[in-house]
Amino acid sequence: MAYNNITVETKDFVTVVTLNRPPMNSVNLGIREELNQLVTEVQSSKDTRVVIVTGSGEKAFCAGMDVTDVANIDKGPKGIDVCNKVERSLKPFIAVINGHALGGGCELAMACHLRFMTDSPKAQTGCPELNLGLTPCWGAIQRMPRIIGKSKALDFIFFSKKISGAEALAIGLVDKVCPAADLMKEAMDYAIALCRRPPLAVSAVLEGMAVGLEKGIDAGLETDRKWIERLKVSKDTVEGMTAFFEKREPKFIDE
């Protein structure tokens, strides 16, 4: 698929996806369609082990839905479906929040498995939908309490709070805060390190945890059981065990 609203670059098993509608990188039909397709494509790609999602420019990661594209709101994949697909991906997604992450942008970041944010005081994240008499409808009502706790999430959403990276880190909404100049390097270093982990086992952890959180511990444990049956006959498990006994670093091949 040709991409017009996002850019996609893959190197060293890391795929960097950039929302490319500056200055605010707001989500239109094109971004929803292209991001939805990208998530599908990376699941079967041997070239991708980790995905980084960021925004073009320095002002915004993503400012949510493009209100000028409201005529297309019921066309293509819905924002909540795209976010669900990101969260349920068997490849890790890391949000690199280089500027404002508001509304649907905050929700997209929460759907990613990890979040790195700039320490710029001009960058804010939040879900201000209640100011318009609406609710955050791409998953924040469900995901935010799982990330920061119920009472904090209620207060955050009720009062449409917008906070800095430092404040987001303090409440656990993001996982790391970096100077703007170092943000992508820090995220890439983390992603490359994660790429060295056994890809099948990483997928097993992602799916088992997602199923358990969504459907309960019994369903999660059953998913874990199915994965271990697959993993114990995989080439990567053989490599991991062999490397352990040979006292060397394993080289995993995603098989």
C-alpha atoms as a PDB file:
ATOM      1  CA  MET A   1       0.000   0.000   0.000  1.00  0.00           C
ATOM      2  CA  ALA A   2       1.242   3.478  -0.880  1.00  0.00           C
ATOM      3  CA  TYR A   3       1.240   5.833   2.102  1.00  0.00           C
ATOM      4  CA  ASN A   4       0.329   9.494   1.729  1.00  0.00           C
ATOM      5  CA  ASN A   5      -0.570  10.510   5.294  1.00  0.00           C
ATOM      6  CA  ILE A   6       2.135   8.584   7.134  1.00  0.00           C
ATOM      7  CA  THR A   7       5.750   7.784   6.358  1.00  0.00           C
ATOM      8  CA  VAL A   8       7.223   4.359   7.036  1.00  0.00           C
ATOM      9  CA  GLU A   9      10.921   3.494   7.357  1.00  0.00           C
ATOM     10  CA  THR A  10      12.388   0.169   8.497  1.00  0.00           C
ATOM     11  CA  LYS A  11      15.980  -0.389   9.588  1.00  0.00           C
ATOM     12  CA  ASP A  12      17.571  -2.933  11.924  1.00  0.00           C
ATOM     13  CA  PHE A  13      14.152  -4.551  12.522  1.00  0.00           C
ATOM     14  CA  VAL A  14      12.645  -1.260  13.774  1.00  0.00           C
ATOM     15  CA  THR A  15       9.832   0.291  11.728  1.00  0.00           C
ATOM     16  CA  VAL A  16       9.345   4.009  12.351  1.00  0.00           C
ATOM     17  CA  VAL A  17       5.864   5.277  11.472  1.00  0.00           C
ATOM     18  CA  THR A  18       5.491   9.052  11.318  1.00  0.00           C
ATOM     19  CA  LEU A  19       2.079  10.698  11.242  1.00  0.00           C
ATOM     20  CA  ASN A  20       2.740  13.168   8.457  1.00  0.00           C
ATOM     21  CA  ARG A  21       0.138  15.930   8.565  1.00  0.00           C
ATOM     22  CA  PRO A  22       2.008  18.798  10.244  1.00  0.00           C
ATOM     23  CA  PRO A  23       1.790  20.906  12.211  1.00  0.00           C
ATOM     24  CA  MET A  24      -0.741  18.995  14.388  1.00  0.00           C
ATOM     25  CA  ASN A  25      -0.803  15.577  12.656  1.00  0.00           C
ATOM     26  CA  SER A  26      -4.533  15.353  13.263  1.00  0.00           C
ATOM     27  CA  VAL A  27      -6.247  12.128  12.257  1.00  0.00           C
ATOM     28  CA  ASN A  28      -8.208  12.107   9.024  1.00  0.00           C
ATOM     29  CA  LEU A  29      -9.641   9.216   7.023  1.00  0.00           C
ATOM     30  CA  GLY A  30      -6.277   8.742   5.315  1.00  0.00           C
ATOM     31  CA  ILE A  31      -4.354   8.273   8.559  1.00  0.00           C
ATOM     32  CA  ARG A  32      -6.965   5.850   9.874  1.00  0.00           C
ATOM     33  CA  GLU A  33      -6.824   3.767   6.708  1.00  0.00           C
ATOM     34  CA  GLU A  34      -3.047   3.805   6.394  1.00  0.00           C
ATOM     35  CA  LEU A  35      -2.281   3.154  10.055  1.00  0.00           C
ATOM     36  CA  ASN A  36      -4.809   0.316  10.066  1.00  0.00           C
ATOM     37  CA  GLN A  37      -3.103  -1.243   7.036  1.00  0.00           C
ATOM     38  CA  LEU A  38       0.369  -0.728   8.502  1.00  0.00           C
ATOM     39  CA  VAL A  39      -0.545  -2.590  11.694  1.00  0.00           C
ATOM     40  CA  THR A  40      -1.783  -5.503   9.578  1.00  0.00           C
ATOM     41  CA  GLU A  41       1.341  -5.568   7.419  1.00  0.00           C
ATOM     42  CA  VAL A  42       3.895  -5.578  10.228  1.00  0.00           C
ATOM     43  CA  GLN A  43       2.323  -8.602  11.918  1.00  0.00           C
ATOM     44  CA  SER A  44       3.697 -10.923   9.236  1.00  0.00           C
ATOM     45  CA  SER A  45       6.847  -8.976   8.371  1.00  0.00           C
ATOM     46  CA  LYS A  46      10.147 -10.644   9.236  1.00  0.00           C
ATOM     47  CA  ASP A  47      11.794  -7.242   8.780  1.00  0.00           C
ATOM     48  CA  THR A  48       9.857  -5.662  11.657  1.00  0.00           C
ATOM     49  CA  ARG A  49      10.199  -6.634  15.287  1.00  0.00           C
ATOM     50  CA  VAL A  50       9.337  -3.302  16.940  1.00  0.00           C
ATOM     51  CA  VAL A  51       7.267  -0.342  15.714  1.00  0.00           C
ATOM     52  CA  ILE A  52       7.815   3.276  16.745  1.00  0.00           C
ATOM     53  CA  VAL A  53       4.973   5.752  16.177  1.00  0.00           C
ATOM     54  CA  THR A  54       5.733   9.480  16.214  1.00  0.00           C
ATOM     55  CA  GLY A  55       4.587  12.752  14.667  1.00  0.00           C
ATOM     56  CA  SER A  56       6.044  14.976  11.991  1.00  0.00           C
ATOM     57  CA  GLY A  57       7.610  18.232  13.143  1.00  0.00           C
ATOM     58  CA  GLU A  58       8.094  19.452  16.699  1.00  0.00           C
ATOM     59  CA  LYS A  59       4.675  20.822  17.640  1.00  0.00           C
ATOM     60  CA  ALA A  60       2.573  17.698  17.917  1.00  0.00           C
ATOM     61  CA  PHE A  61       2.636  13.936  18.125  1.00  0.00           C
ATOM     62  CA  CYS A  62      -1.052  13.968  17.241  1.00  0.00           C
ATOM     63  CA  ALA A  63      -3.812  16.414  18.159  1.00  0.00           C
ATOM     64  CA  GLY A  64      -6.623  13.901  17.709  1.00  0.00           C
ATOM     65  CA  MET A  65      -9.395  13.851  15.160  1.00  0.00           C
ATOM     66  CA  ASP A  66      -9.265  16.350  12.299  1.00  0.00           C
ATOM     67  CA  VAL A  67     -12.533  18.265  12.718  1.00  0.00           C
ATOM     68  CA  THR A  68     -12.320  19.463   9.117  1.00  0.00           C
ATOM     69  CA  ASP A  69     -12.614  15.815   8.025  1.00  0.00           C
ATOM     70  CA  VAL A  70     -15.855  15.189   9.918  1.00  0.00           C
ATOM     71  CA  ALA A  71     -17.667  14.315   6.672  1.00  0.00           C
ATOM     72  CA  ASN A  72     -15.566  11.135   6.564  1.00  0.00           C
ATOM     73  CA  ILE A  73     -16.028  10.175  10.198  1.00  0.00           C
ATOM     74  CA  ASP A  74     -18.137   7.103   9.371  1.00  0.00           C
ATOM     75  CA  LYS A  75     -15.933   5.973   6.498  1.00  0.00           C
ATOM     76  CA  GLY A  76     -13.066   3.512   6.772  1.00  0.00           C
ATOM     77  CA  PRO A  77     -11.787   2.009  10.034  1.00  0.00           C
ATOM     78  CA  LYS A  78     -12.891   3.875  13.140  1.00  0.00           C
ATOM     79  CA  GLY A  79     -10.328   5.403  15.461  1.00  0.00           C
ATOM     80  CA  ILE A  80     -11.236   3.006  18.265  1.00  0.00           C
ATOM     81  CA  ASP A  81     -10.734   0.019  15.940  1.00  0.00           C
ATOM     82  CA  VAL A  82      -7.296   1.249  14.900  1.00  0.00           C
ATOM     83  CA  CYS A  83      -6.300   1.780  18.550  1.00  0.00           C
ATOM     84  CA  ASN A  84      -7.581  -1.682  19.472  1.00  0.00           C
ATOM     85  CA  LYS A  85      -5.561  -3.166  16.636  1.00  0.00           C
ATOM     86  CA  VAL A  86      -2.405  -1.407  17.845  1.00  0.00           C
ATOM     87  CA  GLU A  87      -2.899  -2.605  21.422  1.00  0.00           C
ATOM     88  CA  ARG A  88      -3.523  -6.197  20.296  1.00  0.00           C
ATOM     89  CA  SER A  89      -0.537  -6.239  17.946  1.00  0.00           C
ATOM     90  CA  LEU A  90       1.911  -9.109  18.361  1.00  0.00           C
ATOM     91  CA  LYS A  91       4.733  -6.659  17.639  1.00  0.00           C
ATOM     92  CA  PRO A  92       5.520  -4.044  20.330  1.00  0.00           C
ATOM     93  CA  PHE A  93       4.454  -0.472  19.544  1.00  0.00           C
ATOM     94  CA  ILE A  94       6.287   2.439  21.168  1.00  0.00           C
ATOM     95  CA  ALA A  95       4.748   5.926  21.080  1.00  0.00           C
ATOM     96  CA  VAL A  96       7.380   8.640  20.771  1.00  0.00           C
ATOM     97  CA  ILE A  97       5.438  11.704  21.878  1.00  0.00           C
ATOM     98  CA  ASN A  98       7.400  14.575  20.384  1.00  0.00           C
ATOM     99  CA  GLY A  99       4.777  17.279  21.044  1.00  0.00           C
ATOM    100  CA  HIS A 100       1.096  17.622  21.917  1.00  0.00           C
ATOM    101  CA  ALA A 101      -0.793  14.336  22.284  1.00  0.00           C
ATOM    102  CA  LEU A 102      -4.382  15.402  22.738  1.00  0.00           C
ATOM    103  CA  GLY A 103      -7.726  13.658  22.363  1.00  0.00           C
ATOM    104  CA  GLY A 104      -7.328  10.819  19.914  1.00  0.00           C
ATOM    105  CA  GLY A 105      -3.576  11.438  19.945  1.00  0.00           C
ATOM    106  CA  CYS A 106      -3.429  10.679  23.666  1.00  0.00           C
ATOM    107  CA  GLU A 107      -5.631   7.639  23.057  1.00  0.00           C
ATOM    108  CA  LEU A 108      -3.363   6.368  20.273  1.00  0.00           C
ATOM    109  CA  ALA A 109      -0.365   6.762  22.576  1.00  0.00           C
ATOM    110  CA  MET A 110      -2.141   4.803  25.315  1.00  0.00           C
ATOM    111  CA  ALA A 111      -2.908   2.010  22.843  1.00  0.00           C
ATOM    112  CA  CYS A 112       0.836   1.638  22.237  1.00  0.00           C
ATOM    113  CA  HIS A 113       2.632  -0.692  24.602  1.00  0.00           C
ATOM    114  CA  LEU A 114       5.177   1.906  25.792  1.00  0.00           C
ATOM    115  CA  ARG A 115       5.319   5.702  25.743  1.00  0.00           C
ATOM    116  CA  PHE A 116       8.358   8.017  25.573  1.00  0.00           C
ATOM    117  CA  MET A 117       7.649  11.773  25.767  1.00  0.00           C
ATOM    118  CA  THR A 118       9.565  15.001  25.290  1.00  0.00           C
ATOM    119  CA  ASP A 119      10.281  17.132  28.346  1.00  0.00           C
ATOM    120  CA  SER A 120       9.393  20.311  26.433  1.00  0.00           C
ATOM    121  CA  PRO A 121       7.086  22.459  28.615  1.00  0.00           C
ATOM    122  CA  LYS A 122       5.128  23.308  25.461  1.00  0.00           C
ATOM    123  CA  ALA A 123       4.118  19.672  24.909  1.00  0.00           C
ATOM    124  CA  GLN A 124       0.962  18.524  26.646  1.00  0.00           C
ATOM    125  CA  THR A 125      -1.061  15.339  26.729  1.00  0.00           C
ATOM    126  CA  GLY A 126      -4.670  14.857  27.712  1.00  0.00           C
ATOM    127  CA  CYS A 127      -8.227  14.023  26.718  1.00  0.00           C
ATOM    128  CA  PRO A 128     -10.205  17.289  26.595  1.00  0.00           C
ATOM    129  CA  GLU A 129     -13.349  15.875  24.946  1.00  0.00           C
ATOM    130  CA  LEU A 130     -15.661  16.628  27.893  1.00  0.00           C
ATOM    131  CA  ASN A 131     -15.094  20.341  27.208  1.00  0.00           C
ATOM    132  CA  LEU A 132     -17.175  19.744  24.072  1.00  0.00           C
ATOM    133  CA  GLY A 133     -19.814  17.638  25.794  1.00  0.00           C
ATOM    134  CA  LEU A 134     -18.276  14.476  24.337  1.00  0.00           C
ATOM    135  CA  THR A 135     -16.251  11.598  25.752  1.00  0.00           C
ATOM    136  CA  PRO A 136     -12.891  10.218  24.592  1.00  0.00           C
ATOM    137  CA  CYS A 137     -14.200   7.442  22.370  1.00  0.00           C
ATOM    138  CA  TRP A 138     -11.049   5.726  21.060  1.00  0.00           C
ATOM    139  CA  GLY A 139     -10.438   3.740  24.230  1.00  0.00           C
ATOM    140  CA  ALA A 140      -9.240   6.197  26.897  1.00  0.00           C
ATOM    141  CA  ILE A 141     -12.128   5.424  29.253  1.00  0.00           C
ATOM    142  CA  GLN A 142     -10.972   1.800  29.363  1.00  0.00           C
ATOM    143  CA  ARG A 143      -7.207   2.156  28.961  1.00  0.00           C
ATOM    144  CA  MET A 144      -6.419   5.117  31.187  1.00  0.00           C
ATOM    145  CA  PRO A 145      -7.595   3.502  34.458  1.00  0.00           C
ATOM    146  CA  ARG A 146      -5.566   0.412  33.586  1.00  0.00           C
ATOM    147  CA  ILE A 147      -2.480   2.597  33.183  1.00  0.00           C
ATOM    148  CA  ILE A 148      -2.800   5.178  35.996  1.00  0.00           C
ATOM    149  CA  GLY A 149      -5.629   3.844  38.190  1.00  0.00           C
ATOM    150  CA  LYS A 150      -9.357   4.510  38.298  1.00  0.00           C
ATOM    151  CA  SER A 151      -9.558   7.623  40.484  1.00  0.00           C
ATOM    152  CA  LYS A 152      -6.725   9.427  38.693  1.00  0.00           C
ATOM    153  CA  ALA A 153      -8.258   8.561  35.321  1.00  0.00           C
ATOM    154  CA  LEU A 154     -11.695   9.802  36.364  1.00  0.00           C
ATOM    155  CA  ASP A 155     -10.271  13.111  37.581  1.00  0.00           C
ATOM    156  CA  PHE A 156      -8.121  13.442  34.463  1.00  0.00           C
ATOM    157  CA  ILE A 157     -11.032  12.865  32.069  1.00  0.00           C
ATOM    158  CA  PHE A 158     -13.757  14.655  34.074  1.00  0.00           C
ATOM    159  CA  PHE A 159     -11.787  17.898  34.097  1.00  0.00           C
ATOM    160  CA  SER A 160     -10.177  17.600  30.643  1.00  0.00           C
ATOM    161  CA  LYS A 161      -6.717  17.945  32.172  1.00  0.00           C
ATOM    162  CA  LYS A 162      -3.694  18.575  29.953  1.00  0.00           C
ATOM    163  CA  ILE A 163      -0.314  17.878  31.490  1.00  0.00           C
ATOM    164  CA  SER A 164       3.384  18.043  30.647  1.00  0.00           C
ATOM    165  CA  GLY A 165       5.695  15.110  30.112  1.00  0.00           C
ATOM    166  CA  ALA A 166       7.093  15.420  33.635  1.00  0.00           C
ATOM    167  CA  GLU A 167       3.591  15.356  35.111  1.00  0.00           C
ATOM    168  CA  ALA A 168       2.606  12.430  32.882  1.00  0.00           C
ATOM    169  CA  LEU A 169       5.668  10.509  34.063  1.00  0.00           C
ATOM    170  CA  ALA A 170       4.811  11.213  37.698  1.00  0.00           C
ATOM    171  CA  ILE A 171       1.378   9.580  37.385  1.00  0.00           C
ATOM    172  CA  GLY A 172       2.578   6.746  35.140  1.00  0.00           C
ATOM    173  CA  LEU A 173       0.876   7.873  31.948  1.00  0.00           C
ATOM    174  CA  VAL A 174       4.216   7.782  30.101  1.00  0.00           C
ATOM    175  CA  ASP A 175       7.200   5.535  30.772  1.00  0.00           C
ATOM    176  CA  LYS A 176      10.110   7.862  30.074  1.00  0.00           C
ATOM    177  CA  VAL A 177      10.663  11.586  29.527  1.00  0.00           C
ATOM    178  CA  CYS A 178      13.630  12.853  27.520  1.00  0.00           C
ATOM    179  CA  PRO A 179      14.967  16.152  26.189  1.00  0.00           C
ATOM    180  CA  ALA A 180      13.584  16.772  22.716  1.00  0.00           C
ATOM    181  CA  ALA A 181      17.038  16.405  21.137  1.00  0.00           C
ATOM    182  CA  ASP A 182      17.478  12.939  22.678  1.00  0.00           C
ATOM    183  CA  LEU A 183      13.932  11.608  22.422  1.00  0.00           C
ATOM    184  CA  MET A 184      14.165   9.573  19.218  1.00  0.00           C
ATOM    185  CA  LYS A 185      17.644   8.259  20.045  1.00  0.00           C
ATOM    186  CA  GLU A 186      16.452   7.033  23.442  1.00  0.00           C
ATOM    187  CA  ALA A 187      13.446   5.351  21.851  1.00  0.00           C
ATOM    188  CA  MET A 188      15.558   3.798  19.077  1.00  0.00           C
ATOM    189  CA  ASP A 189      18.097   2.469  21.576  1.00  0.00           C
ATOM    190  CA  TYR A 190      15.281   0.845  23.535  1.00  0.00           C
ATOM    191  CA  ALA A 191      13.665  -0.544  20.371  1.00  0.00           C
ATOM    192  CA  ILE A 192      16.944  -2.017  19.097  1.00  0.00           C
ATOM    193  CA  ALA A 193      17.558  -3.661  22.468  1.00  0.00           C
ATOM    194  CA  LEU A 194      14.038  -5.082  22.363  1.00  0.00           C
ATOM    195  CA  CYS A 195      14.673  -6.392  18.837  1.00  0.00           C
ATOM    196  CA  ARG A 196      17.443  -8.566  20.268  1.00  0.00           C
ATOM    197  CA  ARG A 197      14.950 -10.366  22.488  1.00  0.00           C
ATOM    198  CA  PRO A 198      13.316 -13.540  21.078  1.00  0.00           C
ATOM    199  CA  PRO A 199      10.516 -12.245  18.811  1.00  0.00           C
ATOM    200  CA  LEU A 200       8.163 -15.194  19.281  1.00  0.00           C
ATOM    201  CA  ALA A 201       8.456 -15.004  23.063  1.00  0.00           C
ATOM    202  CA  VAL A 202       7.857 -11.238  22.929  1.00  0.00           C
ATOM    203  CA  SER A 203       4.677 -11.897  20.933  1.00  0.00           C
ATOM    204  CA  ALA A 204       3.632 -14.516  23.474  1.00  0.00           C
ATOM    205  CA  VAL A 205       3.977 -12.008  26.316  1.00  0.00           C
ATOM    206  CA  LEU A 206       2.037  -9.346  24.399  1.00  0.00           C
ATOM    207  CA  GLU A 207      -0.857 -11.631  23.512  1.00  0.00           C
ATOM    208  CA  GLY A 208      -1.043 -13.363  26.875  1.00  0.00           C
ATOM    209  CA  MET A 209      -1.097 -10.070  28.757  1.00  0.00           C
ATOM    210  CA  ALA A 210      -3.657  -8.490  26.413  1.00  0.00           C
ATOM    211  CA  VAL A 211      -6.003 -11.479  26.599  1.00  0.00           C
ATOM    212  CA  GLY A 212      -5.685 -11.683  30.379  1.00  0.00           C
ATOM    213  CA  LEU A 213      -6.460  -7.995  30.865  1.00  0.00           C
ATOM    214  CA  GLU A 214      -9.390  -8.073  28.438  1.00  0.00           C
ATOM    215  CA  LYS A 215     -10.946 -11.461  29.195  1.00  0.00           C
ATOM    216  CA  GLY A 216      -9.682 -12.394  32.639  1.00  0.00           C
ATOM    217  CA  ILE A 217      -6.877 -14.454  34.113  1.00  0.00           C
ATOM    218  CA  ASP A 218      -8.198 -17.860  33.037  1.00  0.00           C
ATOM    219  CA  ALA A 219      -8.313 -16.830  29.375  1.00  0.00           C
ATOM    220  CA  GLY A 220      -4.869 -15.290  29.726  1.00  0.00           C
ATOM    221  CA  LEU A 221      -3.438 -18.449  31.271  1.00  0.00           C
ATOM    222  CA  GLU A 222      -4.899 -20.546  28.467  1.00  0.00           C
ATOM    223  CA  THR A 223      -3.227 -18.258  25.928  1.00  0.00           C
ATOM    224  CA  ASP A 224       0.069 -18.647  27.789  1.00  0.00           C
ATOM    225  CA  ARG A 225      -0.311 -22.431  27.747  1.00  0.00           C
ATOM    226  CA  LYS A 226      -0.852 -22.494  23.976  1.00  0.00           C
ATOM    227  CA  TRP A 227       2.158 -20.279  23.400  1.00  0.00           C
ATOM    228  CA  ILE A 228       4.531 -22.385  25.504  1.00  0.00           C
ATOM    229  CA  GLU A 229       3.614 -25.452  23.452  1.00  0.00           C
ATOM    230  CA  ARG A 230       4.630 -23.517  20.332  1.00  0.00           C
ATOM    231  CA  LEU A 231       7.716 -21.958  21.829  1.00  0.00           C
ATOM    232  CA  LYS A 232       9.288 -25.098  23.217  1.00  0.00           C
ATOM    233  CA  VAL A 233       9.669 -26.550  19.708  1.00  0.00           C
ATOM    234  CA  SER A 234      10.823 -23.290  18.094  1.00  0.00           C
ATOM    235  CA  LYS A 235      14.288 -22.678  16.649  1.00  0.00           C
ATOM    236  CA  ASP A 236      14.665 -19.644  18.888  1.00  0.00           C
ATOM    237  CA  THR A 237      14.190 -21.726  22.018  1.00  0.00           C
ATOM    238  CA  VAL A 238      16.838 -24.152  20.790  1.00  0.00           C
ATOM    239  CA  GLU A 239      19.132 -21.206  20.121  1.00  0.00           C
ATOM    240  CA  GLY A 240      18.428 -19.642  23.510  1.00  0.00           C
ATOM    241  CA  MET A 241      19.185 -22.875  25.370  1.00  0.00           C
ATOM    242  CA  THR A 242      22.272 -23.590  23.267  1.00  0.00           C
ATOM    243  CA  ALA A 243      23.633 -20.070  23.788  1.00  0.00           C
ATOM    244  CA  PHE A 244      23.047 -20.394  27.525  1.00  0.00           C
ATOM    245  CA  PHE A 245      25.148 -23.538  27.776  1.00  0.00           C
ATOM    246  CA  GLU A 246      27.798 -22.152  25.417  1.00  0.00           C
ATOM    247  CA  LYS A 247      27.947 -18.931  27.478  1.00  0.00           C
ATOM    248  CA  ARG A 248      27.347 -16.612  24.516  1.00  0.00           C
ATOM    249  CA  GLU A 249      24.713 -14.129  23.372  1.00  0.00           C
ATOM    250  CA  PRO A 250      21.848 -15.809  21.497  1.00  0.00           C
ATOM    251  CA  LYS A 251      20.979 -14.805  17.934  1.00  0.00           C
ATOM    252  CA  PHE A 252      17.233 -15.123  17.497  1.00  0.00           C
ATOM    253  CA  ILE A 253      15.721 -15.514  14.021  1.00  0.00           C
ATOM    254  CA  ASP A 254      11.966 -15.267  14.748  1.00  0.00           C
ATOM    255  CA  GLU A 255      11.301 -18.951  14.031  1.00  0.00           C
END
